[in-house]
Amino acid sequence: MKVKNRKDARQLKRYRIRKKISGTVERPRISVFKSNKYFYVQIIDDVNGKTLASSSSKTLKLKDLNIETATKVGKDLVRKMKELKIENVVFDRSGYIYHGKIKAFCETLREEGIKF
């Protein structure tokens, strides 16, 4: 695949990351997606091909996409993870740089006791 723009470059990084990680029942994968308006996260069991839980700034009705929004989405996801008794996960940054919103989201998960 030839890199034509930033989106294609991120997709290439995403494919390289996904070759190396996979979510299981004991240790599901957390996948992150950012659009221009919203921040989405999912907990995925790749073995069975099922989404166990999800959260987004859209479902929480948060207007701005900033670090505070990522933190609130992280807290909502942690609440759902505690209901499902999930403590260990694999993090899939989906080709995004570990900086800003992604970093704030991860730090929120770690503060709440999630291990990855």
C-alpha atoms as a PDB file:
ATOM      1  CA  MET A   1       0.000   0.000   0.000  1.00  0.00           C
ATOM      2  CA  LYS A   2       1.407   3.352  -1.019  1.00  0.00           C
ATOM      3  CA  VAL A   3       1.156   6.264   1.405  1.00  0.00           C
ATOM      4  CA  LYS A   4      -0.690   9.170  -0.202  1.00  0.00           C
ATOM      5  CA  ASN A   5      -1.892  11.103   2.814  1.00  0.00           C
ATOM      6  CA  ARG A   6      -2.017  11.068   6.636  1.00  0.00           C
ATOM      7  CA  LYS A   7      -5.023   8.752   6.720  1.00  0.00           C
ATOM      8  CA  ASP A   8      -3.216   6.116   4.643  1.00  0.00           C
ATOM      9  CA  ALA A   9      -0.117   6.427   6.841  1.00  0.00           C
ATOM     10  CA  ARG A  10      -2.242   5.841   9.955  1.00  0.00           C
ATOM     11  CA  GLN A  11      -3.887   2.829   8.327  1.00  0.00           C
ATOM     12  CA  LEU A  12      -0.469   1.290   7.619  1.00  0.00           C
ATOM     13  CA  LYS A  13       0.565   1.804  11.249  1.00  0.00           C
ATOM     14  CA  ARG A  14      -2.751   0.322  12.343  1.00  0.00           C
ATOM     15  CA  TYR A  15      -2.204  -2.841  10.276  1.00  0.00           C
ATOM     16  CA  ARG A  16       1.316  -3.269  11.681  1.00  0.00           C
ATOM     17  CA  ILE A  17       0.020  -2.935  15.239  1.00  0.00           C
ATOM     18  CA  ARG A  18      -2.885  -5.345  14.696  1.00  0.00           C
ATOM     19  CA  LYS A  19      -0.570  -8.066  13.350  1.00  0.00           C
ATOM     20  CA  LYS A  20       1.095  -8.220  16.764  1.00  0.00           C
ATOM     21  CA  ILE A  21      -1.818  -7.946  19.213  1.00  0.00           C
ATOM     22  CA  SER A  22      -5.068  -9.789  19.710  1.00  0.00           C
ATOM     23  CA  GLY A  23      -7.741  -9.751  22.390  1.00  0.00           C
ATOM     24  CA  THR A  24      -8.857 -12.870  24.262  1.00  0.00           C
ATOM     25  CA  VAL A  25     -11.614 -13.610  26.753  1.00  0.00           C
ATOM     26  CA  GLU A  26      -9.204 -13.188  29.692  1.00  0.00           C
ATOM     27  CA  ARG A  27      -7.455 -10.160  28.181  1.00  0.00           C
ATOM     28  CA  PRO A  28      -9.648  -8.292  25.657  1.00  0.00           C
ATOM     29  CA  ARG A  29      -8.421  -5.563  23.328  1.00  0.00           C
ATOM     30  CA  ILE A  30      -9.319  -1.892  23.796  1.00  0.00           C
ATOM     31  CA  SER A  31      -9.567  -0.179  20.422  1.00  0.00           C
ATOM     32  CA  VAL A  32      -9.641   3.618  20.043  1.00  0.00           C
ATOM     33  CA  PHE A  33     -10.962   5.771  17.194  1.00  0.00           C
ATOM     34  CA  LYS A  34     -10.950   9.549  16.907  1.00  0.00           C
ATOM     35  CA  SER A  35     -12.983  11.486  14.391  1.00  0.00           C
ATOM     36  CA  ASN A  36     -13.052  15.243  14.041  1.00  0.00           C
ATOM     37  CA  LYS A  37     -16.061  15.428  16.382  1.00  0.00           C
ATOM     38  CA  TYR A  38     -16.078  12.359  18.610  1.00  0.00           C
ATOM     39  CA  PHE A  39     -13.908   9.897  20.566  1.00  0.00           C
ATOM     40  CA  TYR A  40     -14.899   6.200  20.433  1.00  0.00           C
ATOM     41  CA  VAL A  41     -13.562   3.173  22.360  1.00  0.00           C
ATOM     42  CA  GLN A  42     -14.490  -0.514  22.309  1.00  0.00           C
ATOM     43  CA  ILE A  43     -13.543  -3.596  24.310  1.00  0.00           C
ATOM     44  CA  ILE A  44     -13.212  -6.471  21.844  1.00  0.00           C
ATOM     45  CA  ASP A  45     -12.808 -10.240  22.223  1.00  0.00           C
ATOM     46  CA  ASP A  46     -11.031 -11.172  18.966  1.00  0.00           C
ATOM     47  CA  VAL A  47     -11.268 -14.935  19.555  1.00  0.00           C
ATOM     48  CA  ASN A  48     -15.081 -14.896  19.455  1.00  0.00           C
ATOM     49  CA  GLY A  49     -15.324 -11.737  17.335  1.00  0.00           C
ATOM     50  CA  LYS A  50     -17.530  -9.877  19.818  1.00  0.00           C
ATOM     51  CA  THR A  51     -17.610  -6.369  21.233  1.00  0.00           C
ATOM     52  CA  LEU A  52     -17.959  -6.695  24.999  1.00  0.00           C
ATOM     53  CA  ALA A  53     -18.513  -3.010  25.797  1.00  0.00           C
ATOM     54  CA  SER A  54     -18.159   0.391  24.183  1.00  0.00           C
ATOM     55  CA  SER A  55     -18.283   4.049  25.017  1.00  0.00           C
ATOM     56  CA  SER A  56     -18.034   7.281  23.089  1.00  0.00           C
ATOM     57  CA  SER A  57     -18.299  11.004  23.494  1.00  0.00           C
ATOM     58  CA  LYS A  58     -21.339  10.812  21.203  1.00  0.00           C
ATOM     59  CA  THR A  59     -23.297   8.512  23.532  1.00  0.00           C
ATOM     60  CA  LEU A  60     -22.260  10.634  26.532  1.00  0.00           C
ATOM     61  CA  LYS A  61     -23.432  13.742  24.617  1.00  0.00           C
ATOM     62  CA  LEU A  62     -20.116  15.573  25.021  1.00  0.00           C
ATOM     63  CA  LYS A  63     -19.706  18.359  22.476  1.00  0.00           C
ATOM     64  CA  ASP A  64     -15.985  19.187  22.499  1.00  0.00           C
ATOM     65  CA  LEU A  65     -13.248  16.758  21.522  1.00  0.00           C
ATOM     66  CA  ASN A  66     -10.480  17.475  24.007  1.00  0.00           C
ATOM     67  CA  ILE A  67      -8.465  15.809  26.759  1.00  0.00           C
ATOM     68  CA  GLU A  68     -11.300  16.205  29.293  1.00  0.00           C
ATOM     69  CA  THR A  69     -13.660  14.395  26.910  1.00  0.00           C
ATOM     70  CA  ALA A  70     -11.216  11.498  26.546  1.00  0.00           C
ATOM     71  CA  THR A  71     -10.959  11.311  30.338  1.00  0.00           C
ATOM     72  CA  LYS A  72     -14.757  11.185  30.759  1.00  0.00           C
ATOM     73  CA  VAL A  73     -15.069   8.481  28.098  1.00  0.00           C
ATOM     74  CA  GLY A  74     -12.325   6.536  29.917  1.00  0.00           C
ATOM     75  CA  LYS A  75     -14.188   6.754  33.238  1.00  0.00           C
ATOM     76  CA  ASP A  76     -17.404   5.558  31.585  1.00  0.00           C
ATOM     77  CA  LEU A  77     -15.566   2.613  30.009  1.00  0.00           C
ATOM     78  CA  VAL A  78     -13.952   1.691  33.339  1.00  0.00           C
ATOM     79  CA  ARG A  79     -17.400   1.616  34.944  1.00  0.00           C
ATOM     80  CA  LYS A  80     -18.580  -0.836  32.269  1.00  0.00           C
ATOM     81  CA  MET A  81     -15.389  -2.902  32.627  1.00  0.00           C
ATOM     82  CA  LYS A  82     -15.912  -3.240  36.391  1.00  0.00           C
ATOM     83  CA  GLU A  83     -19.445  -4.558  35.715  1.00  0.00           C
ATOM     84  CA  LEU A  84     -17.929  -7.175  33.380  1.00  0.00           C
ATOM     85  CA  LYS A  85     -15.085  -7.857  35.880  1.00  0.00           C
ATOM     86  CA  ILE A  86     -12.346  -7.044  33.352  1.00  0.00           C
ATOM     87  CA  GLU A  87      -9.051  -5.835  34.839  1.00  0.00           C
ATOM     88  CA  ASN A  88      -6.368  -6.824  32.297  1.00  0.00           C
ATOM     89  CA  VAL A  89      -6.524  -5.620  28.694  1.00  0.00           C
ATOM     90  CA  VAL A  90      -4.422  -5.164  25.563  1.00  0.00           C
ATOM     91  CA  PHE A  91      -4.370  -1.597  24.238  1.00  0.00           C
ATOM     92  CA  ASP A  92      -4.723  -0.931  20.494  1.00  0.00           C
ATOM     93  CA  ARG A  93      -3.957   2.698  19.693  1.00  0.00           C
ATOM     94  CA  SER A  94      -5.068   2.187  16.052  1.00  0.00           C
ATOM     95  CA  GLY A  95      -2.090   3.989  14.557  1.00  0.00           C
ATOM     96  CA  TYR A  96      -2.557   7.173  16.563  1.00  0.00           C
ATOM     97  CA  ILE A  97       0.419   8.740  18.322  1.00  0.00           C
ATOM     98  CA  TYR A  98       0.481   8.077  22.070  1.00  0.00           C
ATOM     99  CA  HIS A  99      -0.015  11.740  22.913  1.00  0.00           C
ATOM    100  CA  GLY A 100      -2.793  14.109  23.973  1.00  0.00           C
ATOM    101  CA  LYS A 101      -6.224  12.471  24.024  1.00  0.00           C
ATOM    102  CA  ILE A 102      -4.913   8.916  23.668  1.00  0.00           C
ATOM    103  CA  LYS A 103      -2.454   9.429  26.534  1.00  0.00           C
ATOM    104  CA  ALA A 104      -5.135  11.036  28.743  1.00  0.00           C
ATOM    105  CA  PHE A 105      -7.466   8.110  28.066  1.00  0.00           C
ATOM    106  CA  CYS A 106      -4.765   5.563  29.000  1.00  0.00           C
ATOM    107  CA  GLU A 107      -3.778   7.420  32.146  1.00  0.00           C
ATOM    108  CA  THR A 108      -7.429   7.459  33.249  1.00  0.00           C
ATOM    109  CA  LEU A 109      -7.640   3.683  32.814  1.00  0.00           C
ATOM    110  CA  ARG A 110      -4.431   3.167  34.803  1.00  0.00           C
ATOM    111  CA  GLU A 111      -5.613   5.473  37.615  1.00  0.00           C
ATOM    112  CA  GLU A 112      -8.816   3.423  37.886  1.00  0.00           C
ATOM    113  CA  GLY A 113      -6.810   0.181  38.250  1.00  0.00           C
ATOM    114  CA  ILE A 114      -6.884  -1.303  34.734  1.00  0.00           C
ATOM    115  CA  LYS A 115      -3.649  -3.106  33.775  1.00  0.00           C
ATOM    116  CA  PHE A 116      -2.207  -3.146  30.238  1.00  0.00           C
END
